[in-house]
């Protein structure tokens, strides 16, 4: 005899126990499992009311997972793709932008570690940082810092 399928609520709690989810993301994951008599929106509302589901906690969690590898624009874009409201995204934006130059430097050091000796490798390094979502100002600051460090060596 096969085991009974878990309820929609049980699935939701299992997903949330593994990591934070946005309302939109959790709704997408649960939708294929929802039966005709299941009210997905009511379940999501209940999860929010019981503080199992929190947009601000999700935003903090996503930022903490991504901040050591990606720039502000990439992280903010990902937050928006999860359907977070503008207030939540803008509250994260300020903190991300403040530390972006240092984060870009850390990412650059981990990937490259030494200043470029040719224009082609400099462009490659800049492109790498750009694809990671760092701002033009953060990339320029990192490349200038790398050149200064390279001159000292």
N, C-alpha and C. Protein backbone atom coordinates (compact mmCIF):
# COMPACT_ATOMS: atom_id res chain seq x y z
N UNK A 1 0.84 -1.17 0.00
CA UNK A 1 0.00 0.00 0.00
C UNK A 1 0.89 1.25 0.00
N UNK A 2 0.70 2.17 -0.97
CA UNK A 2 1.54 3.37 -1.04
C UNK A 2 1.26 4.31 0.14
N UNK A 3 2.28 5.04 0.51
CA UNK A 3 2.12 6.01 1.60
C UNK A 3 1.20 7.14 1.16
N UNK A 4 0.44 7.69 2.07
CA UNK A 4 -0.45 8.80 1.70
C UNK A 4 0.36 10.03 1.32
N UNK A 5 -0.16 10.79 0.37
CA UNK A 5 0.51 12.01 -0.07
C UNK A 5 0.39 13.06 1.04
N UNK A 6 1.46 13.81 1.28
CA UNK A 6 1.39 14.84 2.31
C UNK A 6 0.43 15.96 1.91
N UNK A 7 -0.17 16.57 2.89
CA UNK A 7 -1.09 17.67 2.61
C UNK A 7 -0.31 18.87 2.07
N UNK A 8 -1.05 19.80 1.51
CA UNK A 8 -0.44 21.01 0.98
C UNK A 8 0.26 21.79 2.10
N UNK A 9 -0.36 21.84 3.25
CA UNK A 9 0.20 22.53 4.40
C UNK A 9 1.51 21.85 4.84
N UNK A 10 1.52 20.53 4.87
CA UNK A 10 2.72 19.80 5.25
C UNK A 10 3.85 20.05 4.26
N UNK A 11 3.53 20.08 2.97
CA UNK A 11 4.54 20.38 1.95
C UNK A 11 5.11 21.78 2.16
N UNK A 12 4.22 22.72 2.39
CA UNK A 12 4.65 24.11 2.58
C UNK A 12 5.59 24.22 3.78
N UNK A 13 5.23 23.58 4.87
CA UNK A 13 6.07 23.65 6.07
C UNK A 13 7.41 22.95 5.84
N UNK A 14 7.41 21.88 5.07
CA UNK A 14 8.66 21.20 4.76
C UNK A 14 9.57 22.09 3.91
N UNK A 15 8.99 22.75 2.90
CA UNK A 15 9.79 23.67 2.09
C UNK A 15 10.36 24.79 2.95
N UNK A 16 9.53 25.35 3.84
CA UNK A 16 9.97 26.47 4.67
C UNK A 16 10.97 26.03 5.73
N UNK A 17 10.93 24.78 6.12
CA UNK A 17 11.91 24.29 7.09
C UNK A 17 13.29 24.19 6.46
N UNK A 18 13.34 23.94 5.17
CA UNK A 18 14.62 23.82 4.46
C UNK A 18 15.29 25.18 4.27
N UNK A 19 14.50 26.19 3.88
CA UNK A 19 15.02 27.55 3.69
C UNK A 19 13.85 28.51 3.54
N UNK A 20 14.14 29.80 3.61
CA UNK A 20 13.10 30.82 3.42
C UNK A 20 12.67 30.84 1.96
N UNK A 21 11.40 31.13 1.73
CA UNK A 21 10.85 31.25 0.39
C UNK A 21 10.04 32.54 0.31
N UNK A 22 9.95 33.10 -0.88
CA UNK A 22 9.02 34.22 -1.09
C UNK A 22 7.63 33.63 -1.29
N UNK A 23 6.63 34.46 -1.13
CA UNK A 23 5.25 34.00 -1.31
C UNK A 23 5.07 33.47 -2.74
N UNK A 24 5.59 34.20 -3.71
CA UNK A 24 5.46 33.80 -5.11
C UNK A 24 6.14 32.46 -5.38
N UNK A 25 7.34 32.30 -4.89
CA UNK A 25 8.10 31.07 -5.10
C UNK A 25 7.41 29.87 -4.44
N UNK A 26 6.95 30.05 -3.20
CA UNK A 26 6.28 28.96 -2.50
C UNK A 26 4.97 28.60 -3.20
N UNK A 27 4.25 29.62 -3.66
CA UNK A 27 3.02 29.37 -4.40
C UNK A 27 3.26 28.56 -5.67
N UNK A 28 4.35 28.88 -6.37
CA UNK A 28 4.69 28.12 -7.59
C UNK A 28 5.05 26.67 -7.28
N UNK A 29 5.77 26.47 -6.18
CA UNK A 29 6.15 25.11 -5.81
C UNK A 29 4.95 24.28 -5.38
N UNK A 30 4.00 24.92 -4.72
CA UNK A 30 2.85 24.18 -4.19
C UNK A 30 1.74 23.99 -5.22
N UNK A 31 1.66 24.85 -6.21
CA UNK A 31 0.56 24.81 -7.19
C UNK A 31 0.37 23.45 -7.85
N UNK A 32 1.41 22.75 -8.28
CA UNK A 32 1.18 21.45 -8.90
C UNK A 32 0.59 20.40 -7.96
N UNK A 33 0.72 20.62 -6.66
CA UNK A 33 0.24 19.65 -5.68
C UNK A 33 -1.13 20.01 -5.11
N UNK A 34 -1.63 21.18 -5.49
CA UNK A 34 -2.91 21.64 -4.96
C UNK A 34 -4.06 20.90 -5.63
N UNK A 35 -4.95 20.40 -4.81
CA UNK A 35 -6.13 19.72 -5.33
C UNK A 35 -7.24 20.71 -5.58
N UNK A 36 -8.35 20.21 -6.09
CA UNK A 36 -9.49 21.08 -6.38
C UNK A 36 -10.05 21.73 -5.12
N UNK A 37 -10.00 21.01 -4.02
CA UNK A 37 -10.56 21.55 -2.79
C UNK A 37 -9.53 22.32 -1.94
N UNK A 38 -8.28 22.47 -2.42
CA UNK A 38 -7.26 23.23 -1.70
C UNK A 38 -7.31 24.70 -2.10
N UNK A 39 -7.25 25.58 -1.12
CA UNK A 39 -7.20 27.02 -1.37
C UNK A 39 -5.77 27.49 -1.08
N UNK A 40 -4.98 27.60 -2.14
CA UNK A 40 -3.56 27.93 -2.02
C UNK A 40 -3.37 29.32 -1.42
N UNK A 41 -4.16 30.30 -1.87
CA UNK A 41 -4.01 31.66 -1.35
C UNK A 41 -4.33 31.72 0.14
N UNK A 42 -5.33 30.99 0.57
CA UNK A 42 -5.68 30.97 1.99
C UNK A 42 -4.54 30.34 2.80
N UNK A 43 -3.92 29.30 2.28
CA UNK A 43 -2.80 28.67 2.96
C UNK A 43 -1.63 29.64 3.07
N UNK A 44 -1.33 30.34 1.99
CA UNK A 44 -0.23 31.30 2.01
C UNK A 44 -0.52 32.44 2.98
N UNK A 45 -1.77 32.90 3.01
CA UNK A 45 -2.16 33.94 3.98
C UNK A 45 -1.97 33.44 5.41
N UNK A 46 -2.37 32.19 5.66
CA UNK A 46 -2.23 31.61 7.00
C UNK A 46 -0.76 31.51 7.39
N UNK A 47 0.08 31.07 6.44
CA UNK A 47 1.52 30.96 6.71
C UNK A 47 2.12 32.32 7.05
N UNK A 48 1.69 33.36 6.36
CA UNK A 48 2.17 34.71 6.67
C UNK A 48 1.67 35.17 8.03
N UNK A 49 0.40 34.91 8.32
CA UNK A 49 -0.17 35.32 9.61
C UNK A 49 0.52 34.62 10.77
N UNK A 50 0.91 33.39 10.58
CA UNK A 50 1.59 32.62 11.62
C UNK A 50 3.10 32.86 11.64
N UNK A 51 3.57 33.75 10.77
CA UNK A 51 4.99 34.13 10.67
C UNK A 51 5.89 32.99 10.18
N UNK A 52 5.31 32.00 9.51
CA UNK A 52 6.12 30.97 8.87
C UNK A 52 6.70 31.48 7.56
N UNK A 53 5.98 32.39 6.94
CA UNK A 53 6.36 32.95 5.65
C UNK A 53 6.55 34.45 5.83
N UNK A 54 7.73 34.96 5.50
CA UNK A 54 8.04 36.37 5.70
C UNK A 54 8.86 36.89 4.53
N UNK A 55 8.36 37.93 3.88
CA UNK A 55 9.08 38.52 2.75
C UNK A 55 10.41 39.13 3.20
N UNK A 56 10.41 39.80 4.34
CA UNK A 56 11.66 40.44 4.80
C UNK A 56 12.69 39.40 5.21
N UNK A 57 12.26 38.32 5.86
CA UNK A 57 13.21 37.24 6.18
C UNK A 57 13.75 36.60 4.92
N UNK A 58 12.88 36.41 3.92
CA UNK A 58 13.33 35.84 2.66
C UNK A 58 14.37 36.75 2.01
N UNK A 59 14.10 38.06 2.00
CA UNK A 59 15.03 39.01 1.39
C UNK A 59 16.37 38.96 2.10
N UNK A 60 16.36 38.96 3.42
CA UNK A 60 17.62 38.89 4.18
C UNK A 60 18.36 37.59 3.89
N UNK A 61 17.63 36.51 3.81
CA UNK A 61 18.24 35.21 3.54
C UNK A 61 18.88 35.18 2.15
N UNK A 62 18.17 35.66 1.16
CA UNK A 62 18.70 35.67 -0.20
C UNK A 62 19.94 36.56 -0.28
N UNK A 63 19.87 37.73 0.34
CA UNK A 63 21.02 38.64 0.32
C UNK A 63 22.22 37.97 0.99
N UNK A 64 22.00 37.34 2.13
CA UNK A 64 23.11 36.69 2.83
C UNK A 64 23.74 35.57 2.01
N UNK A 65 22.92 34.86 1.23
CA UNK A 65 23.45 33.78 0.39
C UNK A 65 24.21 34.31 -0.81
N UNK A 66 23.83 35.47 -1.32
CA UNK A 66 24.40 35.98 -2.57
C UNK A 66 25.47 37.06 -2.41
N UNK A 67 25.47 37.75 -1.29
CA UNK A 67 26.28 38.96 -1.15
C UNK A 67 27.79 38.72 -1.30
N UNK A 68 28.28 37.55 -0.99
CA UNK A 68 29.71 37.32 -1.10
C UNK A 68 30.15 37.02 -2.54
N UNK A 69 29.19 36.85 -3.45
CA UNK A 69 29.55 36.48 -4.82
C UNK A 69 29.02 37.45 -5.89
N UNK A 70 27.99 38.23 -5.55
CA UNK A 70 27.34 39.03 -6.58
C UNK A 70 27.21 40.49 -6.18
N UNK A 71 27.03 41.33 -7.20
CA UNK A 71 26.86 42.76 -7.01
C UNK A 71 25.41 43.12 -6.73
N UNK A 72 25.22 44.38 -6.39
CA UNK A 72 23.91 44.88 -5.99
C UNK A 72 22.85 44.72 -7.07
N UNK A 73 23.17 45.04 -8.30
CA UNK A 73 22.14 44.99 -9.34
C UNK A 73 21.65 43.56 -9.56
N UNK A 74 22.53 42.60 -9.49
CA UNK A 74 22.11 41.21 -9.69
C UNK A 74 21.24 40.73 -8.52
N UNK A 75 21.61 41.07 -7.31
CA UNK A 75 20.84 40.66 -6.14
C UNK A 75 19.47 41.34 -6.14
N UNK A 76 19.44 42.64 -6.44
CA UNK A 76 18.17 43.36 -6.46
C UNK A 76 17.25 42.84 -7.56
N UNK A 77 17.83 42.50 -8.69
CA UNK A 77 17.04 41.92 -9.78
C UNK A 77 16.42 40.59 -9.35
N UNK A 78 17.21 39.78 -8.66
CA UNK A 78 16.69 38.50 -8.19
C UNK A 78 15.58 38.69 -7.17
N UNK A 79 15.74 39.67 -6.28
CA UNK A 79 14.68 39.95 -5.30
C UNK A 79 13.39 40.35 -6.01
N UNK A 80 13.51 41.18 -7.03
CA UNK A 80 12.33 41.62 -7.76
C UNK A 80 11.70 40.47 -8.53
N UNK A 81 12.50 39.54 -9.02
CA UNK A 81 11.94 38.40 -9.75
C UNK A 81 11.15 37.48 -8.84
N UNK A 82 11.37 37.57 -7.55
CA UNK A 82 10.62 36.77 -6.59
C UNK A 82 9.34 37.47 -6.16
N UNK A 83 9.03 38.59 -6.77
CA UNK A 83 7.77 39.27 -6.51
C UNK A 83 7.72 40.03 -5.19
N UNK A 84 8.86 40.44 -4.68
CA UNK A 84 8.87 41.20 -3.43
C UNK A 84 8.39 42.62 -3.68
N UNK A 85 7.74 43.20 -2.69
CA UNK A 85 7.24 44.56 -2.86
C UNK A 85 8.39 45.57 -2.86
N UNK A 86 8.10 46.76 -3.37
CA UNK A 86 9.13 47.78 -3.54
C UNK A 86 9.74 48.21 -2.20
N UNK A 87 8.94 48.24 -1.16
CA UNK A 87 9.45 48.66 0.15
C UNK A 87 10.51 47.69 0.67
N UNK A 88 10.29 46.40 0.49
CA UNK A 88 11.26 45.40 0.93
C UNK A 88 12.54 45.51 0.12
N UNK A 89 12.41 45.66 -1.19
CA UNK A 89 13.58 45.76 -2.06
C UNK A 89 14.37 47.03 -1.75
N UNK A 90 13.68 48.15 -1.56
CA UNK A 90 14.40 49.41 -1.31
C UNK A 90 15.08 49.41 0.05
N UNK A 91 14.53 48.67 1.02
CA UNK A 91 15.19 48.61 2.33
C UNK A 91 16.51 47.85 2.24
N UNK A 92 16.61 46.92 1.32
CA UNK A 92 17.84 46.15 1.13
C UNK A 92 18.82 46.92 0.25
N UNK A 93 18.31 47.70 -0.68
CA UNK A 93 19.13 48.40 -1.67
C UNK A 93 20.22 49.25 -1.02
N UNK A 94 19.87 50.03 -0.02
CA UNK A 94 20.83 50.94 0.60
C UNK A 94 22.02 50.20 1.18
N UNK A 95 21.75 49.15 1.93
CA UNK A 95 22.84 48.38 2.54
C UNK A 95 23.72 47.71 1.48
N UNK A 96 23.11 47.24 0.41
CA UNK A 96 23.89 46.59 -0.64
C UNK A 96 24.82 47.57 -1.34
N UNK A 97 24.32 48.74 -1.64
CA UNK A 97 25.10 49.72 -2.38
C UNK A 97 26.26 50.24 -1.54
N UNK A 98 26.06 50.37 -0.23
CA UNK A 98 27.11 50.90 0.63
C UNK A 98 28.37 50.05 0.61
N UNK A 99 28.24 48.75 0.63
CA UNK A 99 29.41 47.88 0.71
C UNK A 99 29.83 47.26 -0.61
N UNK A 100 29.30 47.77 -1.72
CA UNK A 100 29.54 47.12 -3.00
C UNK A 100 31.00 47.17 -3.47
N UNK A 101 31.67 48.28 -3.26
CA UNK A 101 33.05 48.39 -3.73
C UNK A 101 33.95 47.37 -3.03
N UNK A 102 33.76 47.20 -1.73
CA UNK A 102 34.57 46.23 -0.99
C UNK A 102 34.23 44.80 -1.41
N UNK A 103 32.95 44.54 -1.64
CA UNK A 103 32.56 43.20 -2.10
C UNK A 103 33.15 42.90 -3.48
N UNK A 104 33.14 43.90 -4.36
CA UNK A 104 33.73 43.72 -5.69
C UNK A 104 35.21 43.40 -5.57
N UNK A 105 35.89 44.07 -4.67
CA UNK A 105 37.31 43.82 -4.45
C UNK A 105 37.53 42.39 -3.95
N UNK A 106 36.71 41.95 -3.02
CA UNK A 106 36.85 40.59 -2.48
C UNK A 106 36.61 39.53 -3.57
N UNK A 107 35.58 39.75 -4.39
CA UNK A 107 35.29 38.81 -5.48
C UNK A 107 36.43 38.79 -6.49
N UNK A 108 36.94 39.98 -6.82
CA UNK A 108 38.05 40.07 -7.76
C UNK A 108 39.28 39.35 -7.22
N UNK A 109 39.61 39.57 -5.94
CA UNK A 109 40.78 38.92 -5.34
C UNK A 109 40.64 37.41 -5.37
N UNK A 110 39.46 36.91 -5.06
CA UNK A 110 39.26 35.47 -5.03
C UNK A 110 39.42 34.86 -6.42
N UNK A 111 38.93 35.55 -7.44
CA UNK A 111 38.98 35.01 -8.81
C UNK A 111 40.34 35.23 -9.47
N UNK A 112 40.90 36.45 -9.32
CA UNK A 112 42.10 36.78 -10.09
C UNK A 112 43.35 36.94 -9.23
N UNK A 113 43.26 37.66 -8.14
CA UNK A 113 44.37 37.78 -7.20
C UNK A 113 45.52 38.69 -7.59
N UNK A 114 45.71 38.95 -8.86
CA UNK A 114 46.80 39.84 -9.26
C UNK A 114 46.32 40.74 -10.40
N UNK A 115 46.96 41.89 -10.49
CA UNK A 115 46.56 42.87 -11.49
C UNK A 115 46.85 42.35 -12.89
N UNK A 116 46.05 42.81 -13.83
CA UNK A 116 46.22 42.38 -15.22
C UNK A 116 47.43 43.09 -15.83
N UNK A 117 48.10 42.39 -16.73
CA UNK A 117 49.28 42.95 -17.38
C UNK A 117 49.01 43.29 -18.84
N UNK A 118 47.79 43.02 -19.28
CA UNK A 118 47.45 43.35 -20.66
C UNK A 118 46.03 43.92 -20.70
N UNK A 119 45.76 44.73 -21.71
CA UNK A 119 44.41 45.28 -21.83
C UNK A 119 43.34 44.20 -21.97
N UNK A 120 43.68 43.10 -22.64
CA UNK A 120 42.72 42.02 -22.84
C UNK A 120 42.32 41.37 -21.51
N UNK A 121 43.31 41.13 -20.65
CA UNK A 121 42.99 40.50 -19.37
C UNK A 121 42.27 41.48 -18.45
N UNK A 122 42.59 42.77 -18.57
CA UNK A 122 41.87 43.79 -17.79
C UNK A 122 40.39 43.82 -18.19
N UNK A 123 40.12 43.76 -19.48
CA UNK A 123 38.75 43.74 -19.97
C UNK A 123 38.03 42.47 -19.50
N UNK A 124 38.75 41.37 -19.52
CA UNK A 124 38.18 40.10 -19.05
C UNK A 124 37.78 40.20 -17.58
N UNK A 125 38.65 40.79 -16.77
CA UNK A 125 38.36 40.95 -15.35
C UNK A 125 37.16 41.89 -15.13
N UNK A 126 37.11 42.96 -15.89
CA UNK A 126 36.00 43.91 -15.77
C UNK A 126 34.69 43.25 -16.19
N UNK A 127 34.73 42.50 -17.26
CA UNK A 127 33.54 41.80 -17.74
C UNK A 127 33.04 40.80 -16.70
N UNK A 128 33.97 40.10 -16.08
CA UNK A 128 33.60 39.15 -15.03
C UNK A 128 32.82 39.86 -13.91
N UNK A 129 33.34 40.99 -13.45
CA UNK A 129 32.66 41.73 -12.38
C UNK A 129 31.31 42.27 -12.85
N UNK A 130 31.25 42.70 -14.10
CA UNK A 130 30.00 43.21 -14.65
C UNK A 130 28.95 42.11 -14.71
N UNK A 131 29.34 40.93 -15.14
CA UNK A 131 28.40 39.81 -15.21
C UNK A 131 27.92 39.38 -13.83
N UNK A 132 28.71 39.65 -12.83
CA UNK A 132 28.32 39.34 -11.46
C UNK A 132 27.37 40.40 -10.88
N UNK A 133 27.14 41.46 -11.62
CA UNK A 133 26.17 42.47 -11.21
C UNK A 133 26.73 43.63 -10.43
N UNK A 134 28.02 43.86 -10.53
CA UNK A 134 28.61 45.00 -9.83
C UNK A 134 28.45 46.27 -10.66
N UNK A 135 28.33 47.39 -9.98
CA UNK A 135 28.15 48.67 -10.66
C UNK A 135 29.44 49.10 -11.35
N UNK A 136 29.29 50.03 -12.29
CA UNK A 136 30.45 50.56 -13.00
C UNK A 136 31.42 51.20 -12.02
N UNK A 137 30.90 51.94 -11.04
CA UNK A 137 31.76 52.60 -10.05
C UNK A 137 32.54 51.57 -9.23
N UNK A 138 31.90 50.49 -8.83
CA UNK A 138 32.58 49.45 -8.05
C UNK A 138 33.65 48.76 -8.89
N UNK A 139 33.36 48.53 -10.16
CA UNK A 139 34.33 47.89 -11.04
C UNK A 139 35.55 48.79 -11.24
N UNK A 140 35.30 50.07 -11.50
CA UNK A 140 36.41 51.02 -11.69
C UNK A 140 37.26 51.12 -10.43
N UNK A 141 36.62 51.18 -9.29
CA UNK A 141 37.34 51.25 -8.01
C UNK A 141 38.20 50.01 -7.81
N UNK A 142 37.66 48.86 -8.13
CA UNK A 142 38.40 47.60 -7.98
C UNK A 142 39.60 47.56 -8.92
N UNK A 143 39.41 47.97 -10.15
CA UNK A 143 40.51 47.93 -11.12
C UNK A 143 41.61 48.92 -10.74
N UNK A 144 41.24 50.08 -10.23
CA UNK A 144 42.24 51.06 -9.77
C UNK A 144 43.00 50.51 -8.57
N UNK A 145 42.27 49.91 -7.67
CA UNK A 145 42.90 49.32 -6.47
C UNK A 145 43.84 48.19 -6.87
N UNK A 146 43.41 47.38 -7.82
CA UNK A 146 44.26 46.28 -8.30
C UNK A 146 45.54 46.82 -8.94
N UNK A 147 45.41 47.91 -9.70
CA UNK A 147 46.60 48.50 -10.34
C UNK A 147 47.57 49.05 -9.29
N UNK A 148 47.04 49.67 -8.23
CA UNK A 148 47.89 50.18 -7.17
C UNK A 148 48.61 49.04 -6.45
N UNK A 149 47.88 47.97 -6.18
CA UNK A 149 48.49 46.81 -5.52
C UNK A 149 49.53 46.18 -6.43
N UNK A 150 49.25 46.12 -7.75
CA UNK A 150 50.19 45.57 -8.71
C UNK A 150 51.48 46.38 -8.80
N UNK A 151 51.38 47.70 -8.65
CA UNK A 151 52.56 48.56 -8.70
C UNK A 151 53.44 48.35 -7.48
N UNK A 152 52.82 48.02 -6.35
CA UNK A 152 53.58 47.82 -5.12
C UNK A 152 54.36 46.50 -5.14
N UNK A 153 53.89 45.55 -5.91
CA UNK A 153 54.54 44.23 -5.93
C UNK A 153 55.82 44.23 -6.67
